[in-house]
């Protein structure tokens, strides 16, 4: 659970930094850049101190990255223009939890207690209160059905990716082997960057007739670097460590609080004042997360 809470903090910092990097280089380039930095950093650790691309569950972790960091992330970013950031985030964070619980129950036989389900419901309720658009605070874009479909794909990818990581650690333990979190994150990011790089190449080919974009300023690369360290490097490592010992249906509700943890960071870094509704939803979700950590 400690690793799950650390992941939440790191993902929250990554979200704030992502806003800066995407504004300077665009979402596709920023996403590919953060994954590339993560690949280099995690790869250095994996081959110097870890197991590299070896181990009995390498294929499983690779598929986990394809599902979560590849297909899931691409669908998430594609849904943003059709749903807006709040509705896309709400769908992704809330729907990935039942997806993960269902898959892990059917595949791995993991069953949660009634108390854990109640705490998860409280957390997701807080997220909905804090993030879902209302008449007083409507989405900034015209919501379209294709956005809902993309949001569902993003949630399914994240949920499936988490369960595949759980399965990878089970295979590793059954083989009597050990896999550290940074190496697991590296093996996972290999799948994610394969999908993202392919999509980036397709976009570049489709945009070849347009005028070339100017090179991003040097400071943009600095934002991408620290964004990558908070997200794909240390954040993904603690996420894998959390999944190594805790069901995905419990880890994901905790990490789903990352958008709420962004609220004080955005106020501190960007001066964005939180609304009363977001603060109330944050308090509800935090109470549920604390209860979930104590639940048995």
Foldseek 3Di string as FASTA:
>chain_A
DVLLLLLLLLVLVLVVLLVVLCVQPNNLVLLLLLLVLLLVVLQVCCVPPHVRCDAPLLVLLLVLLLLALALLVVLLVVLCQQANDLVLLLLQLLLLLVLLVVVCCVPVVDDDDPLLVVLLVLQSQLSCLQRPADPVRHGPHHHDPVSVVSSNSNSNSNSSSLSSLLVSLVSRVVVVHDGALSSSLNSSSVNNSVNSVVVVVVVCVVCVVPDDDDDGDPVSSVSSNSSSCSPSGSSSSSSSVCSSPDRPSLSSSSSSCSNLSNQVVCCVPVVDHGDPSNVRSSVSNVVSNVSSVVDD
